[in-house]
C-alpha atoms as a PDB file:
ATOM      1  CA  MET A   1    -224.575 -35.228   7.018  1.00  0.00           C
ATOM      2  CA  PRO A   2    -224.852 -37.367   3.693  1.00  0.00           C
ATOM      3  CA  GLU A   3    -228.475 -37.560   2.208  1.00  0.00           C
ATOM      4  CA  ALA A   4    -230.027 -40.537  -0.687  1.00  0.00           C
ATOM      5  CA  LEU A   5    -229.689 -39.660  -3.891  1.00  0.00           C
ATOM      6  CA  ASP A   6    -232.679 -39.064  -5.471  1.00  0.00           C
ATOM      7  CA  ALA A   7    -233.831 -40.582  -8.763  1.00  0.00           C
ATOM      8  CA  ALA A   8    -232.438 -37.520 -10.162  1.00  0.00           C
ATOM      9  CA  GLY A   9    -229.559 -37.176  -7.942  1.00  0.00           C
ATOM     10  CA  ILE A  10    -228.252 -40.679  -9.582  1.00  0.00           C
ATOM     11  CA  ALA A  11    -229.063 -39.315 -12.799  1.00  0.00           C
ATOM     12  CA  ARG A  12    -226.895 -36.724 -12.928  1.00  0.00           C
ATOM     13  CA  VAL A  13    -224.062 -38.599 -11.746  1.00  0.00           C
ATOM     14  CA  VAL A  14    -224.878 -40.970 -14.521  1.00  0.00           C
ATOM     15  CA  GLN A  15    -224.646 -37.710 -16.824  1.00  0.00           C
ATOM     16  CA  ALA A  16    -221.380 -36.666 -15.049  1.00  0.00           C
ATOM     17  CA  PHE A  17    -219.002 -39.749 -15.524  1.00  0.00           C
ATOM     18  CA  ALA A  18    -220.639 -39.826 -19.736  1.00  0.00           C
ATOM     19  CA  GLN A  19    -219.330 -36.446 -19.598  1.00  0.00           C
ATOM     20  CA  ALA A  20    -216.069 -37.247 -17.688  1.00  0.00           C
ATOM     21  CA  ALA A  21    -215.763 -39.938 -20.096  1.00  0.00           C
ATOM     22  CA  ARG A  22    -216.401 -37.107 -23.012  1.00  0.00           C
ATOM     23  CA  ARG A  23    -213.103 -34.794 -22.313  1.00  0.00           C
ATOM     24  CA  ALA A  24    -210.762 -38.365 -22.026  1.00  0.00           C
ATOM     25  CA  THR A  25    -211.483 -38.649 -25.210  1.00  0.00           C
ATOM     26  CA  ARG A  26    -211.101 -35.006 -26.503  1.00  0.00           C
ATOM     27  CA  LEU A  27    -207.825 -35.638 -24.459  1.00  0.00           C
ATOM     28  CA  GLY A  28    -206.363 -38.620 -26.866  1.00  0.00           C
ATOM     29  CA  LEU A  29    -206.423 -40.744 -23.617  1.00  0.00           C
ATOM     30  CA  ASP A  30    -206.616 -44.736 -24.781  1.00  0.00           C
ATOM     31  CA  ALA A  31    -208.385 -46.219 -21.696  1.00  0.00           C
ATOM     32  CA  ILE A  32    -210.639 -45.519 -18.891  1.00  0.00           C
ATOM     33  CA  GLU A  33    -210.871 -46.939 -15.626  1.00  0.00           C
ATOM     34  CA  ILE A  34    -214.112 -46.776 -13.716  1.00  0.00           C
ATOM     35  CA  HIS A  35    -213.461 -46.478  -9.636  1.00  0.00           C
ATOM     36  CA  ALA A  36    -216.171 -48.827  -7.820  1.00  0.00           C
ATOM     37  CA  ALA A  37    -213.822 -49.491  -5.309  1.00  0.00           C
ATOM     38  CA  HIS A  38    -212.074 -48.870  -1.886  1.00  0.00           C
ATOM     39  CA  GLY A  39    -215.479 -46.538  -0.384  1.00  0.00           C
ATOM     40  CA  TYR A  40    -215.821 -44.423  -3.289  1.00  0.00           C
ATOM     41  CA  LEU A  41    -219.809 -43.992  -4.299  1.00  0.00           C
ATOM     42  CA  LEU A  42    -220.417 -46.736  -6.631  1.00  0.00           C
ATOM     43  CA  HIS A  43    -218.897 -49.435  -3.990  1.00  0.00           C
ATOM     44  CA  GLN A  44    -221.108 -47.590  -1.687  1.00  0.00           C
ATOM     45  CA  PHE A  45    -224.232 -48.430  -4.019  1.00  0.00           C
ATOM     46  CA  LEU A  46    -222.821 -51.941  -4.480  1.00  0.00           C
ATOM     47  CA  SER A  47    -222.228 -53.294  -0.846  1.00  0.00           C
ATOM     48  CA  PRO A  48    -225.222 -53.999   1.177  1.00  0.00           C
ATOM     49  CA  LEU A  49    -223.271 -52.683   4.854  1.00  0.00           C
ATOM     50  CA  SER A  50    -224.080 -48.541   2.959  1.00  0.00           C
ATOM     51  CA  ASN A  51    -226.294 -49.131   0.581  1.00  0.00           C
ATOM     52  CA  HIS A  52    -229.892 -48.593   2.748  1.00  0.00           C
ATOM     53  CA  ARG A  53    -232.217 -47.353  -0.269  1.00  0.00           C
ATOM     54  CA  ASP A  54    -235.502 -49.029  -0.595  1.00  0.00           C
ATOM     55  CA  ASP A  55    -235.717 -48.277  -4.210  1.00  0.00           C
ATOM     56  CA  ALA A  56    -234.797 -49.894  -7.393  1.00  0.00           C
ATOM     57  CA  TYR A  57    -231.079 -49.006  -6.468  1.00  0.00           C
ATOM     58  CA  GLY A  58    -230.894 -50.896  -2.971  1.00  0.00           C
ATOM     59  CA  GLY A  59    -231.726 -54.362  -1.520  1.00  0.00           C
ATOM     60  CA  ALA A  60    -231.708 -57.115  -3.840  1.00  0.00           C
ATOM     61  CA  LEU A  61    -227.604 -57.677  -5.697  1.00  0.00           C
ATOM     62  CA  GLU A  62    -229.010 -56.426  -9.013  1.00  0.00           C
ATOM     63  CA  HIS A  63    -230.583 -53.257  -8.041  1.00  0.00           C
ATOM     64  CA  ARG A  64    -226.914 -52.733  -6.306  1.00  0.00           C
ATOM     65  CA  MET A  65    -225.377 -53.336  -9.601  1.00  0.00           C
ATOM     66  CA  ARG A  66    -228.153 -50.879 -11.386  1.00  0.00           C
ATOM     67  CA  LEU A  67    -225.486 -47.874 -11.095  1.00  0.00           C
ATOM     68  CA  VAL A  68    -222.262 -49.459 -11.777  1.00  0.00           C
ATOM     69  CA  LEU A  69    -223.941 -51.005 -14.945  1.00  0.00           C
ATOM     70  CA  GLU A  70    -225.892 -47.902 -15.932  1.00  0.00           C
ATOM     71  CA  VAL A  71    -222.195 -45.786 -15.300  1.00  0.00           C
ATOM     72  CA  PHE A  72    -220.987 -47.899 -17.866  1.00  0.00           C
ATOM     73  CA  ASP A  73    -223.064 -48.429 -20.227  1.00  0.00           C
ATOM     74  CA  ALA A  74    -223.164 -44.589 -20.154  1.00  0.00           C
ATOM     75  CA  ILE A  75    -219.405 -44.226 -20.429  1.00  0.00           C
ATOM     76  CA  ARG A  76    -219.666 -47.028 -23.186  1.00  0.00           C
ATOM     77  CA  ALA A  77    -221.695 -44.976 -25.106  1.00  0.00           C
ATOM     78  CA  GLU A  78    -219.919 -42.289 -25.519  1.00  0.00           C
ATOM     79  CA  VAL A  79    -216.734 -42.781 -26.390  1.00  0.00           C
ATOM     80  CA  PRO A  80    -215.248 -44.059 -29.096  1.00  0.00           C
ATOM     81  CA  VAL A  81    -215.184 -48.093 -30.019  1.00  0.00           C
ATOM     82  CA  MET A  82    -212.024 -48.141 -29.893  1.00  0.00           C
ATOM     83  CA  MET A  83    -211.682 -46.907 -26.265  1.00  0.00           C
ATOM     84  CA  THR A  84    -210.750 -49.184 -23.331  1.00  0.00           C
ATOM     85  CA  VAL A  85    -212.860 -48.623 -20.663  1.00  0.00           C
ATOM     86  CA  GLY A  86    -212.322 -50.999 -17.207  1.00  0.00           C
ATOM     87  CA  VAL A  87    -213.760 -51.464 -14.223  1.00  0.00           C
ATOM     88  CA  ARG A  88    -212.229 -51.393 -11.123  1.00  0.00           C
ATOM     89  CA  ILE A  89    -214.127 -53.438  -7.896  1.00  0.00           C
ATOM     90  CA  SER A  90    -213.525 -54.320  -3.966  1.00  0.00           C
ATOM     91  CA  ALA A  91    -213.837 -57.707  -4.495  1.00  0.00           C
ATOM     92  CA  THR A  92    -215.056 -58.037  -0.457  1.00  0.00           C
ATOM     93  CA  ASP A  93    -215.966 -55.463   2.242  1.00  0.00           C
ATOM     94  CA  TRP A  94    -213.520 -57.992   4.501  1.00  0.00           C
ATOM     95  CA  VAL A  95    -216.170 -57.450   7.170  1.00  0.00           C
ATOM     96  CA  ASP A  96    -218.964 -60.263   7.515  1.00  0.00           C
ATOM     97  CA  ASP A  97    -222.065 -59.690   5.678  1.00  0.00           C
ATOM     98  CA  GLY A  98    -220.615 -56.927   3.475  1.00  0.00           C
ATOM     99  CA  TRP A  99    -220.093 -56.958  -0.376  1.00  0.00           C
ATOM    100  CA  ASP A 100    -217.970 -60.194  -0.539  1.00  0.00           C
ATOM    101  CA  LEU A 101    -216.014 -62.841  -3.739  1.00  0.00           C
ATOM    102  CA  ALA A 102    -219.850 -64.131  -4.727  1.00  0.00           C
ATOM    103  CA  GLN A 103    -221.327 -60.897  -5.772  1.00  0.00           C
ATOM    104  CA  SER A 104    -218.676 -59.960  -7.140  1.00  0.00           C
ATOM    105  CA  ILE A 105    -218.584 -62.908  -9.388  1.00  0.00           C
ATOM    106  CA  VAL A 106    -222.033 -61.770 -10.309  1.00  0.00           C
ATOM    107  CA  LEU A 107    -221.212 -58.577 -11.344  1.00  0.00           C
ATOM    108  CA  ALA A 108    -217.934 -59.035 -13.072  1.00  0.00           C
ATOM    109  CA  ARG A 109    -220.507 -61.620 -15.247  1.00  0.00           C
ATOM    110  CA  ALA A 110    -222.897 -59.362 -15.814  1.00  0.00           C
ATOM    111  CA  LEU A 111    -219.904 -56.381 -17.075  1.00  0.00           C
ATOM    112  CA  ASP A 112    -218.767 -58.906 -18.917  1.00  0.00           C
ATOM    113  CA  ALA A 113    -221.663 -59.474 -21.519  1.00  0.00           C
ATOM    114  CA  ARG A 114    -221.645 -56.056 -21.735  1.00  0.00           C
ATOM    115  CA  GLY A 115    -218.446 -55.656 -22.815  1.00  0.00           C
ATOM    116  CA  CYS A 116    -216.358 -54.306 -20.712  1.00  0.00           C
ATOM    117  CA  ASP A 117    -212.651 -54.586 -21.881  1.00  0.00           C
ATOM    118  CA  PHE A 118    -211.410 -55.699 -18.053  1.00  0.00           C
ATOM    119  CA  ILE A 119    -211.838 -56.029 -14.773  1.00  0.00           C
ATOM    120  CA  HIS A 120    -208.932 -54.219 -11.856  1.00  0.00           C
ATOM    121  CA  VAL A 121    -209.650 -56.726  -8.978  1.00  0.00           C
ATOM    122  CA  SER A 122    -208.741 -54.964  -5.493  1.00  0.00           C
ATOM    123  CA  SER A 123    -210.404 -55.501  -1.962  1.00  0.00           C
ATOM    124  CA  GLY A 124    -211.807 -53.475   0.864  1.00  0.00           C
ATOM    125  CA  GLY A 125    -211.822 -49.434   1.822  1.00  0.00           C
ATOM    126  CA  LEU A 126    -215.539 -49.085   2.786  1.00  0.00           C
ATOM    127  CA  HIS A 127    -215.956 -50.010   6.147  1.00  0.00           C
ATOM    128  CA  PRO A 128    -213.975 -49.387   9.430  1.00  0.00           C
ATOM    129  CA  SER A 129    -214.857 -52.442  10.989  1.00  0.00           C
ATOM    130  CA  GLN A 130    -212.662 -54.273   7.418  1.00  0.00           C
ATOM    131  CA  ARG A 131    -210.127 -56.800   8.990  1.00  0.00           C
ATOM    132  CA  ILE A 132    -208.002 -57.030   5.837  1.00  0.00           C
ATOM    133  CA  ALA A 133    -205.161 -60.073   5.752  1.00  0.00           C
ATOM    134  CA  ALA A 134    -202.295 -58.218   4.366  1.00  0.00           C
ATOM    135  CA  GLY A 135    -199.610 -60.126   3.086  1.00  0.00           C
ATOM    136  CA  PRO A 136    -197.413 -60.726  -0.194  1.00  0.00           C
ATOM    137  CA  GLY A 137    -200.119 -61.383  -3.251  1.00  0.00           C
ATOM    138  CA  TYR A 138    -202.937 -61.642  -0.385  1.00  0.00           C
ATOM    139  CA  GLN A 139    -205.540 -59.689  -3.347  1.00  0.00           C
ATOM    140  CA  LEU A 140    -204.703 -62.180  -6.017  1.00  0.00           C
ATOM    141  CA  PRO A 141    -206.755 -65.145  -5.252  1.00  0.00           C
ATOM    142  CA  PHE A 142    -209.897 -62.428  -5.761  1.00  0.00           C
ATOM    143  CA  ALA A 143    -208.555 -61.892  -9.408  1.00  0.00           C
ATOM    144  CA  GLU A 144    -207.593 -65.515 -10.038  1.00  0.00           C
ATOM    145  CA  ALA A 145    -211.385 -66.646  -8.867  1.00  0.00           C
ATOM    146  CA  ILE A 146    -213.419 -64.304 -10.831  1.00  0.00           C
ATOM    147  CA  ARG A 147    -210.881 -64.842 -13.583  1.00  0.00           C
ATOM    148  CA  ARG A 148    -212.072 -68.384 -13.838  1.00  0.00           C
ATOM    149  CA  GLU A 149    -215.896 -66.812 -14.325  1.00  0.00           C
ATOM    150  CA  VAL A 150    -215.633 -63.992 -17.422  1.00  0.00           C
ATOM    151  CA  ALA A 151    -213.865 -63.458 -21.326  1.00  0.00           C
ATOM    152  CA  MET A 152    -212.089 -60.428 -20.585  1.00  0.00           C
ATOM    153  CA  PRO A 153    -209.075 -59.648 -19.019  1.00  0.00           C
ATOM    154  CA  VAL A 154    -208.311 -59.634 -15.786  1.00  0.00           C
ATOM    155  CA  ILE A 155    -206.412 -57.239 -13.139  1.00  0.00           C
ATOM    156  CA  GLY A 156    -204.752 -58.463 -10.504  1.00  0.00           C
ATOM    157  CA  VAL A 157    -202.828 -56.576  -7.784  1.00  0.00           C
ATOM    158  CA  GLY A 158    -201.985 -55.867  -3.771  1.00  0.00           C
ATOM    159  CA  LEU A 159    -198.661 -56.946  -2.272  1.00  0.00           C
ATOM    160  CA  VAL A 160    -196.936 -57.307  -5.633  1.00  0.00           C
ATOM    161  CA  THR A 161    -193.613 -55.772  -5.764  1.00  0.00           C
ATOM    162  CA  THR A 162    -191.043 -57.586  -7.252  1.00  0.00           C
ATOM    163  CA  ALA A 163    -190.420 -58.749 -10.866  1.00  0.00           C
ATOM    164  CA  GLU A 164    -190.328 -62.346  -9.737  1.00  0.00           C
ATOM    165  CA  GLN A 165    -193.628 -62.438  -8.001  1.00  0.00           C
ATOM    166  CA  ALA A 166    -195.435 -60.382 -10.605  1.00  0.00           C
ATOM    167  CA  GLU A 167    -194.252 -62.886 -13.270  1.00  0.00           C
ATOM    168  CA  ALA A 168    -195.028 -65.843 -11.250  1.00  0.00           C
ATOM    169  CA  ALA A 169    -199.091 -64.485 -11.441  1.00  0.00           C
ATOM    170  CA  LEU A 170    -199.139 -64.412 -14.837  1.00  0.00           C
ATOM    171  CA  VAL A 171    -197.122 -67.425 -15.100  1.00  0.00           C
ATOM    172  CA  GLN A 172    -199.767 -69.541 -12.842  1.00  0.00           C
ATOM    173  CA  GLY A 173    -202.523 -67.840 -14.708  1.00  0.00           C
ATOM    174  CA  ARG A 174    -203.931 -65.857 -11.439  1.00  0.00           C
ATOM    175  CA  ALA A 175    -204.115 -62.670 -13.669  1.00  0.00           C
ATOM    176  CA  ASP A 176    -204.082 -61.277 -16.990  1.00  0.00           C
ATOM    177  CA  ALA A 177    -201.781 -58.167 -15.547  1.00  0.00           C
ATOM    178  CA  ILE A 178    -200.667 -57.174 -12.355  1.00  0.00           C
ATOM    179  CA  ALA A 179    -200.978 -53.782 -11.187  1.00  0.00           C
ATOM    180  CA  ILE A 180    -198.254 -52.131  -9.376  1.00  0.00           C
ATOM    181  CA  GLY A 181    -199.109 -48.601  -7.064  1.00  0.00           C
ATOM    182  CA  ARG A 182    -196.963 -48.443  -3.738  1.00  0.00           C
ATOM    183  CA  ALA A 183    -194.193 -49.771  -5.273  1.00  0.00           C
ATOM    184  CA  LEU A 184    -193.291 -47.655  -8.056  1.00  0.00           C
ATOM    185  CA  LEU A 185    -194.247 -44.616  -5.519  1.00  0.00           C
ATOM    186  CA  TYR A 186    -191.093 -46.395  -3.888  1.00  0.00           C
ATOM    187  CA  ASP A 187    -189.100 -47.155  -7.481  1.00  0.00           C
ATOM    188  CA  PRO A 188    -190.415 -45.044 -10.395  1.00  0.00           C
ATOM    189  CA  ARG A 189    -187.571 -47.263 -12.529  1.00  0.00           C
ATOM    190  CA  TRP A 190    -189.409 -50.119 -11.567  1.00  0.00           C
ATOM    191  CA  PRO A 191    -190.588 -51.170 -14.855  1.00  0.00           C
ATOM    192  CA  TRP A 192    -186.900 -51.293 -15.614  1.00  0.00           C
ATOM    193  CA  HIS A 193    -185.689 -53.393 -12.872  1.00  0.00           C
ATOM    194  CA  ALA A 194    -188.581 -56.113 -13.656  1.00  0.00           C
ATOM    195  CA  ALA A 195    -186.760 -55.788 -17.379  1.00  0.00           C
ATOM    196  CA  ALA A 196    -183.442 -56.533 -16.171  1.00  0.00           C
ATOM    197  CA  ALA A 197    -184.311 -59.008 -13.437  1.00  0.00           C
ATOM    198  CA  LEU A 198    -186.605 -61.208 -15.862  1.00  0.00           C
ATOM    199  CA  GLY A 199    -184.014 -60.328 -19.338  1.00  0.00           C
ATOM    200  CA  ALA A 200    -186.667 -58.159 -20.988  1.00  0.00           C
ATOM    201  CA  THR A 201    -186.119 -55.293 -22.438  1.00  0.00           C
ATOM    202  CA  VAL A 202    -188.215 -51.589 -22.274  1.00  0.00           C
ATOM    203  CA  ALA A 203    -189.094 -49.183 -24.541  1.00  0.00           C
ATOM    204  CA  THR A 204    -187.941 -45.770 -23.653  1.00  0.00           C
ATOM    205  CA  SER A 205    -186.957 -42.081 -24.858  1.00  0.00           C
ATOM    206  CA  PRO A 206    -183.497 -42.379 -27.001  1.00  0.00           C
ATOM    207  CA  ARG A 207    -182.146 -39.775 -24.435  1.00  0.00           C
ATOM    208  CA  PHE A 208    -182.244 -42.334 -22.034  1.00  0.00           C
ATOM    209  CA  LEU A 209    -180.114 -45.534 -23.619  1.00  0.00           C
ATOM    210  CA  ARG A 210    -177.303 -44.678 -21.915  1.00  0.00           C
ATOM    211  CA  ALA A 211    -178.292 -45.130 -18.859  1.00  0.00           C
ATOM    212  CA  VAL A 212    -178.320 -48.688 -18.560  1.00  0.00           C
ATOM    213  CA  PRO A 213    -175.082 -49.639 -15.633  1.00  0.00           C
ATOM    214  CA  HIS A 214    -171.966 -50.463 -17.866  1.00  0.00           C
ATOM    215  CA  GLY A 215    -172.223 -54.548 -17.145  1.00  0.00           C
ATOM    216  CA  LEU A 216    -175.856 -54.873 -17.724  1.00  0.00           C
ATOM    217  CA  PRO A 217    -177.438 -56.366 -21.048  1.00  0.00           C
ATOM    218  CA  PRO A 218    -179.109 -54.224 -23.269  1.00  0.00           C
ATOM    219  CA  LEU A 219    -182.281 -53.251 -21.718  1.00  0.00           C
ATOM    220  CA  LEU A 220    -183.764 -50.444 -23.089  1.00  0.00           C
ATOM    221  CA  VAL A 221    -183.992 -50.206 -27.003  1.00  0.00           C
ATOM    222  CA  PRO A 222    -185.830 -46.922 -28.795  1.00  0.00           C
ATOM    223  CA  ALA A 223    -189.495 -46.923 -28.492  1.00  0.00           C
ATOM    224  CA  THR A 224    -191.732 -46.039 -31.605  1.00  0.00           C
ATOM    225  CA  GLY A 225    -191.453 -42.049 -32.914  1.00  0.00           C
ATOM    226  CA  THR A 226    -189.707 -40.941 -30.294  1.00  0.00           C
ATOM    227  CA  ALA A 227    -187.337 -38.363 -31.077  1.00  0.00           C
ATOM    228  CA  ASP A 228    -183.506 -37.132 -29.610  1.00  0.00           C
END
């Protein structure tokens, strides 16, 4: 059975995130996304459905947010200023009396004030009683609501499968960027096909330039710094 972390255990978790960020920097990565959604540990601390602590990390909202903010601060202090650091959250547990949009907005504001570079808005994944009203773009209203409250870019996601659907969400101001997951698993060339549908171009290795089907306008352009 799981056991509640003591103060030393929480400190080790924060340090482990910082160490992972240090390794990411050594690898030359450009960005870090802290996963605080979908029932992972940080989400467990956020949600009153899973956080039953009675110390400084449980109870009131500001206490349940504490670990996420400490992890963000530790990572931000560990990486270069040019490294992008963002956070992915579940905007709601889809369960009564659980984590919800109002609490997510409070967390988003706190992260924004700390210099978070983006927030990636998903939902669910914590509790077996969740009742998700899934449908095309079903999570975009959460991203849109949070976007009205923060200055940092907001990433929307959730059954966004077509280029036209993603573009409409951006044009309508529902999000600053759209994340694509399962659609890319189904179609690894989704960005190429989206560019073709929207009349845009994609930078790629020159070795792929001849891959565009005959009759389509130029779609692929050489990426800067690539070689044959």
